[in-house]
């Protein structure tokens, strides 16, 4: 079955070029040109990937990303015209999985999309030794990718869930930021370890009663992160 991609950008020539290139690779492409249209598409259809520009009319890309994360963990790659670390970090803060800076090479875009799709597909195909993980009052359902704490469901993004699952499956094992980046984002991911810090901070804000004094995801100063209750 063809992979479905939503491409969102107010520059129609960019959208046309991406659409043509992805369709050449057998993907099914839907296009949107402002934030409201993108959000409507994401609610009405199921996509395997969303390419989302940050600077959009009506709703910004970060606003769209944030709202999509309320109902979907579809992989989202942000497109930004600014070579600014803050833009990239803000995209990750709002739930994006990756970012690409304009001007970009369409071959890089396709490679990044395919890498993320391979990882997403592999997660669904690999049989895990346990589908339900419980620690303290936390319950993690790895098949439905749902997390609850004391019976209250917690909505995590795809990468937040991947981080939590890796850590809870290996309690007390300390992972360096570099190791987490490699295991969760893949060796071909071009970002740096700040990506891990952003996602760990967001994860703590969702699962910890007091993120500054975490109960679940702890920091081993100078080394990395680990899970322990």
C-alpha atoms as a PDB file:
ATOM      1  CA  UNK A   1       0.000   0.000   0.000  1.00  0.00           C
ATOM      2  CA  UNK A   2       1.319   3.440  -0.956  1.00  0.00           C
ATOM      3  CA  UNK A   3       2.579   5.602   1.892  1.00  0.00           C
ATOM      4  CA  UNK A   4       0.479   8.722   2.436  1.00  0.00           C
ATOM      5  CA  UNK A   5       2.239  12.039   3.000  1.00  0.00           C
ATOM      6  CA  UNK A   6       0.751  15.444   3.810  1.00  0.00           C
ATOM      7  CA  UNK A   7       2.877  18.344   2.518  1.00  0.00           C
ATOM      8  CA  UNK A   8       2.110  21.756   4.034  1.00  0.00           C
ATOM      9  CA  UNK A   9       3.704  24.980   2.764  1.00  0.00           C
ATOM     10  CA  UNK A  10       2.316  28.303   1.522  1.00  0.00           C
ATOM     11  CA  UNK A  11       4.929  28.387  -1.273  1.00  0.00           C
ATOM     12  CA  UNK A  12       3.150  26.487  -4.036  1.00  0.00           C
ATOM     13  CA  UNK A  13       6.284  25.887  -6.102  1.00  0.00           C
ATOM     14  CA  UNK A  14       7.948  24.139  -3.155  1.00  0.00           C
ATOM     15  CA  UNK A  15       4.844  22.001  -2.611  1.00  0.00           C
ATOM     16  CA  UNK A  16       4.679  21.161  -6.318  1.00  0.00           C
ATOM     17  CA  UNK A  17       8.334  20.085  -6.371  1.00  0.00           C
ATOM     18  CA  UNK A  18       8.057  17.916  -3.257  1.00  0.00           C
ATOM     19  CA  UNK A  19       4.815  16.374  -4.471  1.00  0.00           C
ATOM     20  CA  UNK A  20       6.265  15.478  -7.869  1.00  0.00           C
ATOM     21  CA  UNK A  21       9.371  13.924  -6.333  1.00  0.00           C
ATOM     22  CA  UNK A  22       7.478  11.865  -3.737  1.00  0.00           C
ATOM     23  CA  UNK A  23       4.917  10.668  -6.277  1.00  0.00           C
ATOM     24  CA  UNK A  24       7.807   9.487  -8.453  1.00  0.00           C
ATOM     25  CA  UNK A  25       8.684   7.188  -5.554  1.00  0.00           C
ATOM     26  CA  UNK A  26       5.137   5.811  -5.414  1.00  0.00           C
ATOM     27  CA  UNK A  27       3.878   7.848  -2.465  1.00  0.00           C
ATOM     28  CA  UNK A  28       0.386   9.309  -2.243  1.00  0.00           C
ATOM     29  CA  UNK A  29       0.658  13.051  -1.570  1.00  0.00           C
ATOM     30  CA  UNK A  30      -1.957  15.461  -0.195  1.00  0.00           C
ATOM     31  CA  UNK A  31      -1.167  19.197  -0.217  1.00  0.00           C
ATOM     32  CA  UNK A  32      -2.225  22.042   2.059  1.00  0.00           C
ATOM     33  CA  UNK A  33      -1.251  25.711   1.890  1.00  0.00           C
ATOM     34  CA  UNK A  34      -2.179  27.132   5.291  1.00  0.00           C
ATOM     35  CA  UNK A  35      -2.364  25.968   8.898  1.00  0.00           C
ATOM     36  CA  UNK A  36      -6.126  25.584   9.113  1.00  0.00           C
ATOM     37  CA  UNK A  37      -6.276  23.483   5.941  1.00  0.00           C
ATOM     38  CA  UNK A  38      -3.416  21.316   7.239  1.00  0.00           C
ATOM     39  CA  UNK A  39      -5.156  20.692  10.550  1.00  0.00           C
ATOM     40  CA  UNK A  40      -8.395  19.763   8.783  1.00  0.00           C
ATOM     41  CA  UNK A  41      -6.559  17.291   6.526  1.00  0.00           C
ATOM     42  CA  UNK A  42      -4.814  15.701   9.513  1.00  0.00           C
ATOM     43  CA  UNK A  43      -8.149  15.225  11.289  1.00  0.00           C
ATOM     44  CA  UNK A  44      -9.983  13.814   8.272  1.00  0.00           C
ATOM     45  CA  UNK A  45      -7.293  11.507   6.862  1.00  0.00           C
ATOM     46  CA  UNK A  46      -4.650   9.117   8.182  1.00  0.00           C
ATOM     47  CA  UNK A  47      -1.110   9.901   7.028  1.00  0.00           C
ATOM     48  CA  UNK A  48       2.189   8.062   7.380  1.00  0.00           C
ATOM     49  CA  UNK A  49       4.137  11.342   7.459  1.00  0.00           C
ATOM     50  CA  UNK A  50       3.547  15.107   7.577  1.00  0.00           C
ATOM     51  CA  UNK A  51       5.982  17.663   6.146  1.00  0.00           C
ATOM     52  CA  UNK A  52       5.040  20.922   7.857  1.00  0.00           C
ATOM     53  CA  UNK A  53       6.413  24.406   7.211  1.00  0.00           C
ATOM     54  CA  UNK A  54       6.814  26.590  10.309  1.00  0.00           C
ATOM     55  CA  UNK A  55       5.799  29.899   8.683  1.00  0.00           C
ATOM     56  CA  UNK A  56       2.176  29.452   7.555  1.00  0.00           C
ATOM     57  CA  UNK A  57      -0.912  31.686   7.162  1.00  0.00           C
ATOM     58  CA  UNK A  58      -3.844  31.374   9.625  1.00  0.00           C
ATOM     59  CA  UNK A  59      -2.086  28.960  11.984  1.00  0.00           C
ATOM     60  CA  UNK A  60       1.686  28.617  12.347  1.00  0.00           C
ATOM     61  CA  UNK A  61       3.357  25.271  11.811  1.00  0.00           C
ATOM     62  CA  UNK A  62       4.156  24.988  15.517  1.00  0.00           C
ATOM     63  CA  UNK A  63       0.480  25.607  16.388  1.00  0.00           C
ATOM     64  CA  UNK A  64      -0.606  22.980  13.869  1.00  0.00           C
ATOM     65  CA  UNK A  65       1.969  20.503  15.224  1.00  0.00           C
ATOM     66  CA  UNK A  66       0.828  21.098  18.791  1.00  0.00           C
ATOM     67  CA  UNK A  67      -2.830  20.543  17.915  1.00  0.00           C
ATOM     68  CA  UNK A  68      -2.119  17.415  15.850  1.00  0.00           C
ATOM     69  CA  UNK A  69      -0.288  15.951  18.847  1.00  0.00           C
ATOM     70  CA  UNK A  70      -3.545  16.109  20.798  1.00  0.00           C
ATOM     71  CA  UNK A  71      -5.001  13.319  18.637  1.00  0.00           C
ATOM     72  CA  UNK A  72      -2.194  11.696  16.613  1.00  0.00           C
ATOM     73  CA  UNK A  73       1.419  10.497  16.889  1.00  0.00           C
ATOM     74  CA  UNK A  74       2.001  10.638  13.109  1.00  0.00           C
ATOM     75  CA  UNK A  75       5.662  11.462  12.367  1.00  0.00           C
ATOM     76  CA  UNK A  76       6.034  15.209  11.683  1.00  0.00           C
ATOM     77  CA  UNK A  77       9.023  16.821   9.977  1.00  0.00           C
ATOM     78  CA  UNK A  78       9.179  20.612  10.260  1.00  0.00           C
ATOM     79  CA  UNK A  79      10.412  22.737   7.362  1.00  0.00           C
ATOM     80  CA  UNK A  80      12.016  26.034   8.344  1.00  0.00           C
ATOM     81  CA  UNK A  81      13.517  28.821   6.247  1.00  0.00           C
ATOM     82  CA  UNK A  82      15.540  30.047   9.214  1.00  0.00           C
ATOM     83  CA  UNK A  83      18.863  28.461  10.079  1.00  0.00           C
ATOM     84  CA  UNK A  84      18.157  29.183  13.730  1.00  0.00           C
ATOM     85  CA  UNK A  85      18.574  26.693  16.562  1.00  0.00           C
ATOM     86  CA  UNK A  86      15.607  28.202  18.406  1.00  0.00           C
ATOM     87  CA  UNK A  87      13.251  27.427  15.500  1.00  0.00           C
ATOM     88  CA  UNK A  88      14.414  23.836  15.493  1.00  0.00           C
ATOM     89  CA  UNK A  89      14.101  23.481  19.253  1.00  0.00           C
ATOM     90  CA  UNK A  90      10.639  25.089  19.220  1.00  0.00           C
ATOM     91  CA  UNK A  91       9.523  22.587  16.596  1.00  0.00           C
ATOM     92  CA  UNK A  92      10.690  19.727  18.798  1.00  0.00           C
ATOM     93  CA  UNK A  93       9.063  21.331  21.843  1.00  0.00           C
ATOM     94  CA  UNK A  94       5.689  21.211  20.087  1.00  0.00           C
ATOM     95  CA  UNK A  95       6.030  17.532  19.185  1.00  0.00           C
ATOM     96  CA  UNK A  96       7.904  17.405  15.860  1.00  0.00           C
ATOM     97  CA  UNK A  97      10.070  14.347  15.205  1.00  0.00           C
ATOM     98  CA  UNK A  98      12.607  16.021  12.927  1.00  0.00           C
ATOM     99  CA  UNK A  99      13.340  19.234  11.041  1.00  0.00           C
ATOM    100  CA  UNK A 100      14.811  20.248   7.687  1.00  0.00           C
ATOM    101  CA  UNK A 101      16.200  23.720   6.972  1.00  0.00           C
ATOM    102  CA  UNK A 102      15.433  25.496   3.697  1.00  0.00           C
ATOM    103  CA  UNK A 103      16.828  25.623   1.107  1.00  0.00           C
ATOM    104  CA  UNK A 104      16.978  21.844   1.061  1.00  0.00           C
ATOM    105  CA  UNK A 105      17.974  19.145  -1.373  1.00  0.00           C
ATOM    106  CA  UNK A 106      14.925  17.072  -2.331  1.00  0.00           C
ATOM    107  CA  UNK A 107      17.082  13.941  -2.148  1.00  0.00           C
ATOM    108  CA  UNK A 108      17.796  14.748   1.514  1.00  0.00           C
ATOM    109  CA  UNK A 109      14.071  15.230   2.143  1.00  0.00           C
ATOM    110  CA  UNK A 110      13.236  11.868   0.585  1.00  0.00           C
ATOM    111  CA  UNK A 111      16.034  10.102   2.461  1.00  0.00           C
ATOM    112  CA  UNK A 112      14.849  11.577   5.765  1.00  0.00           C
ATOM    113  CA  UNK A 113      11.228  10.585   5.063  1.00  0.00           C
ATOM    114  CA  UNK A 114      12.170   7.030   4.114  1.00  0.00           C
ATOM    115  CA  UNK A 115      14.406   6.627   7.186  1.00  0.00           C
ATOM    116  CA  UNK A 116      11.603   7.685   9.539  1.00  0.00           C
ATOM    117  CA  UNK A 117       9.080   5.468   7.738  1.00  0.00           C
ATOM    118  CA  UNK A 118      11.446   2.481   7.992  1.00  0.00           C
ATOM    119  CA  UNK A 119      11.803   2.977  11.740  1.00  0.00           C
ATOM    120  CA  UNK A 120       8.047   3.407  12.180  1.00  0.00           C
ATOM    121  CA  UNK A 121       7.366   0.280  10.120  1.00  0.00           C
ATOM    122  CA  UNK A 122       9.996  -1.728  11.992  1.00  0.00           C
ATOM    123  CA  UNK A 123       8.416  -0.840  15.312  1.00  0.00           C
ATOM    124  CA  UNK A 124       5.163  -2.370  14.122  1.00  0.00           C
ATOM    125  CA  UNK A 125       6.755  -5.544  12.766  1.00  0.00           C
ATOM    126  CA  UNK A 126       9.143  -6.543  15.545  1.00  0.00           C
ATOM    127  CA  UNK A 127       7.522  -8.771  18.133  1.00  0.00           C
ATOM    128  CA  UNK A 128       8.278  -7.444  21.588  1.00  0.00           C
ATOM    129  CA  UNK A 129       8.792  -9.814  24.513  1.00  0.00           C
ATOM    130  CA  UNK A 130       6.178  -7.967  26.553  1.00  0.00           C
ATOM    131  CA  UNK A 131       3.328  -5.808  25.310  1.00  0.00           C
ATOM    132  CA  UNK A 132       2.271  -4.497  28.721  1.00  0.00           C
ATOM    133  CA  UNK A 133       4.891  -2.939  30.996  1.00  0.00           C
ATOM    134  CA  UNK A 134       4.059  -1.849  34.535  1.00  0.00           C
ATOM    135  CA  UNK A 135       6.218  -0.017  37.032  1.00  0.00           C
ATOM    136  CA  UNK A 136       4.765   1.527  40.163  1.00  0.00           C
ATOM    137  CA  UNK A 137       1.507   3.176  39.123  1.00  0.00           C
ATOM    138  CA  UNK A 138       2.626   3.525  35.472  1.00  0.00           C
ATOM    139  CA  UNK A 139       1.205   1.204  32.816  1.00  0.00           C
ATOM    140  CA  UNK A 140       2.639   1.166  29.275  1.00  0.00           C
ATOM    141  CA  UNK A 141       0.791  -0.706  26.513  1.00  0.00           C
ATOM    142  CA  UNK A 142       3.372  -1.167  23.761  1.00  0.00           C
ATOM    143  CA  UNK A 143       0.909  -2.490  21.184  1.00  0.00           C
ATOM    144  CA  UNK A 144      -1.567   0.380  21.409  1.00  0.00           C
ATOM    145  CA  UNK A 145       1.257   2.776  22.426  1.00  0.00           C
ATOM    146  CA  UNK A 146      -0.771   4.113  25.346  1.00  0.00           C
ATOM    147  CA  UNK A 147       0.519   5.219  28.737  1.00  0.00           C
ATOM    148  CA  UNK A 148      -1.477   5.656  31.929  1.00  0.00           C
ATOM    149  CA  UNK A 149      -0.488   6.702  35.426  1.00  0.00           C
ATOM    150  CA  UNK A 150      -2.852   5.807  38.286  1.00  0.00           C
ATOM    151  CA  UNK A 151      -5.489   5.123  35.631  1.00  0.00           C
ATOM    152  CA  UNK A 152      -5.072   8.547  33.993  1.00  0.00           C
ATOM    153  CA  UNK A 153      -4.062   8.377  30.326  1.00  0.00           C
ATOM    154  CA  UNK A 154      -1.033  10.420  29.284  1.00  0.00           C
ATOM    155  CA  UNK A 155      -0.744  11.517  25.646  1.00  0.00           C
ATOM    156  CA  UNK A 156       2.815  11.156  24.350  1.00  0.00           C
ATOM    157  CA  UNK A 157       4.289  11.885  20.942  1.00  0.00           C
ATOM    158  CA  UNK A 158       5.906   9.068  18.956  1.00  0.00           C
ATOM    159  CA  UNK A 159       9.434   9.919  20.086  1.00  0.00           C
ATOM    160  CA  UNK A 160       8.412  10.525  23.705  1.00  0.00           C
ATOM    161  CA  UNK A 161       6.832   7.070  23.753  1.00  0.00           C
ATOM    162  CA  UNK A 162       9.907   5.492  22.133  1.00  0.00           C
ATOM    163  CA  UNK A 163      12.149   7.056  24.788  1.00  0.00           C
ATOM    164  CA  UNK A 164       9.923   5.947  27.645  1.00  0.00           C
ATOM    165  CA  UNK A 165       9.570   2.401  26.299  1.00  0.00           C
ATOM    166  CA  UNK A 166      13.330   2.007  25.907  1.00  0.00           C
ATOM    167  CA  UNK A 167      14.004   3.291  29.423  1.00  0.00           C
ATOM    168  CA  UNK A 168      11.244   1.334  31.188  1.00  0.00           C
ATOM    169  CA  UNK A 169      12.321  -1.911  29.456  1.00  0.00           C
ATOM    170  CA  UNK A 170      15.812  -1.397  30.863  1.00  0.00           C
ATOM    171  CA  UNK A 171      15.304  -0.096  34.421  1.00  0.00           C
ATOM    172  CA  UNK A 172      18.334   1.456  36.158  1.00  0.00           C
ATOM    173  CA  UNK A 173      20.397   1.241  32.957  1.00  0.00           C
ATOM    174  CA  UNK A 174      21.962   4.622  32.254  1.00  0.00           C
ATOM    175  CA  UNK A 175      21.898   5.748  28.620  1.00  0.00           C
ATOM    176  CA  UNK A 176      24.063   8.593  27.391  1.00  0.00           C
ATOM    177  CA  UNK A 177      22.364  11.301  25.325  1.00  0.00           C
ATOM    178  CA  UNK A 178      24.404  10.132  22.309  1.00  0.00           C
ATOM    179  CA  UNK A 179      23.216   6.535  22.798  1.00  0.00           C
ATOM    180  CA  UNK A 180      19.576   7.614  23.099  1.00  0.00           C
ATOM    181  CA  UNK A 181      19.901   9.739  19.976  1.00  0.00           C
ATOM    182  CA  UNK A 182      21.281   6.752  18.071  1.00  0.00           C
ATOM    183  CA  UNK A 183      18.739   4.213  19.381  1.00  0.00           C
ATOM    184  CA  UNK A 184      15.582   6.339  19.154  1.00  0.00           C
ATOM    185  CA  UNK A 185      16.302   8.635  16.205  1.00  0.00           C
ATOM    186  CA  UNK A 186      18.719   6.398  14.295  1.00  0.00           C
ATOM    187  CA  UNK A 187      22.358   6.641  13.277  1.00  0.00           C
ATOM    188  CA  UNK A 188      21.447   8.660  10.182  1.00  0.00           C
ATOM    189  CA  UNK A 189      19.687  11.406  12.176  1.00  0.00           C
ATOM    190  CA  UNK A 190      21.566  14.707  11.608  1.00  0.00           C
ATOM    191  CA  UNK A 191      20.455  16.441  14.823  1.00  0.00           C
ATOM    192  CA  UNK A 192      22.456  16.740  18.036  1.00  0.00           C
ATOM    193  CA  UNK A 193      21.993  15.661  21.648  1.00  0.00           C
ATOM    194  CA  UNK A 194      19.908  18.743  22.492  1.00  0.00           C
ATOM    195  CA  UNK A 195      17.101  16.887  20.722  1.00  0.00           C
ATOM    196  CA  UNK A 196      17.238  14.272  23.480  1.00  0.00           C
ATOM    197  CA  UNK A 197      17.213  16.893  26.236  1.00  0.00           C
ATOM    198  CA  UNK A 198      14.142  18.600  24.743  1.00  0.00           C
ATOM    199  CA  UNK A 199      12.220  15.320  24.507  1.00  0.00           C
ATOM    200  CA  UNK A 200      13.218  14.181  28.010  1.00  0.00           C
ATOM    201  CA  UNK A 201      12.049  17.532  29.407  1.00  0.00           C
ATOM    202  CA  UNK A 202       8.721  17.246  27.575  1.00  0.00           C
ATOM    203  CA  UNK A 203       8.312  13.625  28.702  1.00  0.00           C
ATOM    204  CA  UNK A 204       8.892  14.594  32.323  1.00  0.00           C
ATOM    205  CA  UNK A 205       6.378  17.421  32.085  1.00  0.00           C
ATOM    206  CA  UNK A 206       3.762  14.848  31.097  1.00  0.00           C
ATOM    207  CA  UNK A 207       4.544  11.916  33.404  1.00  0.00           C
ATOM    208  CA  UNK A 208       6.051  13.515  36.494  1.00  0.00           C
ATOM    209  CA  UNK A 209       4.077  15.217  39.250  1.00  0.00           C
ATOM    210  CA  UNK A 210       7.099  17.453  39.833  1.00  0.00           C
ATOM    211  CA  UNK A 211       9.415  17.435  36.782  1.00  0.00           C
ATOM    212  CA  UNK A 212      12.226  19.085  38.770  1.00  0.00           C
ATOM    213  CA  UNK A 213      12.155  16.123  41.184  1.00  0.00           C
ATOM    214  CA  UNK A 214      11.372  13.216  38.845  1.00  0.00           C
ATOM    215  CA  UNK A 215      10.020   9.920  40.107  1.00  0.00           C
ATOM    216  CA  UNK A 216      10.439   7.916  36.892  1.00  0.00           C
ATOM    217  CA  UNK A 217      13.039   9.350  34.491  1.00  0.00           C
ATOM    218  CA  UNK A 218      16.192  10.326  36.374  1.00  0.00           C
ATOM    219  CA  UNK A 219      19.413  12.079  35.402  1.00  0.00           C
ATOM    220  CA  UNK A 220      22.840  10.617  36.082  1.00  0.00           C
ATOM    221  CA  UNK A 221      24.781  13.859  36.043  1.00  0.00           C
ATOM    222  CA  UNK A 222      27.535  13.907  33.470  1.00  0.00           C
ATOM    223  CA  UNK A 223      26.432  10.542  32.077  1.00  0.00           C
ATOM    224  CA  UNK A 224      22.816  10.428  30.855  1.00  0.00           C
ATOM    225  CA  UNK A 225      19.291   9.282  31.766  1.00  0.00           C
ATOM    226  CA  UNK A 226      17.718   6.208  33.356  1.00  0.00           C
ATOM    227  CA  UNK A 227      14.339   4.880  34.532  1.00  0.00           C
ATOM    228  CA  UNK A 228      13.661   3.873  38.115  1.00  0.00           C
ATOM    229  CA  UNK A 229      10.657   4.010  40.458  1.00  0.00           C
END
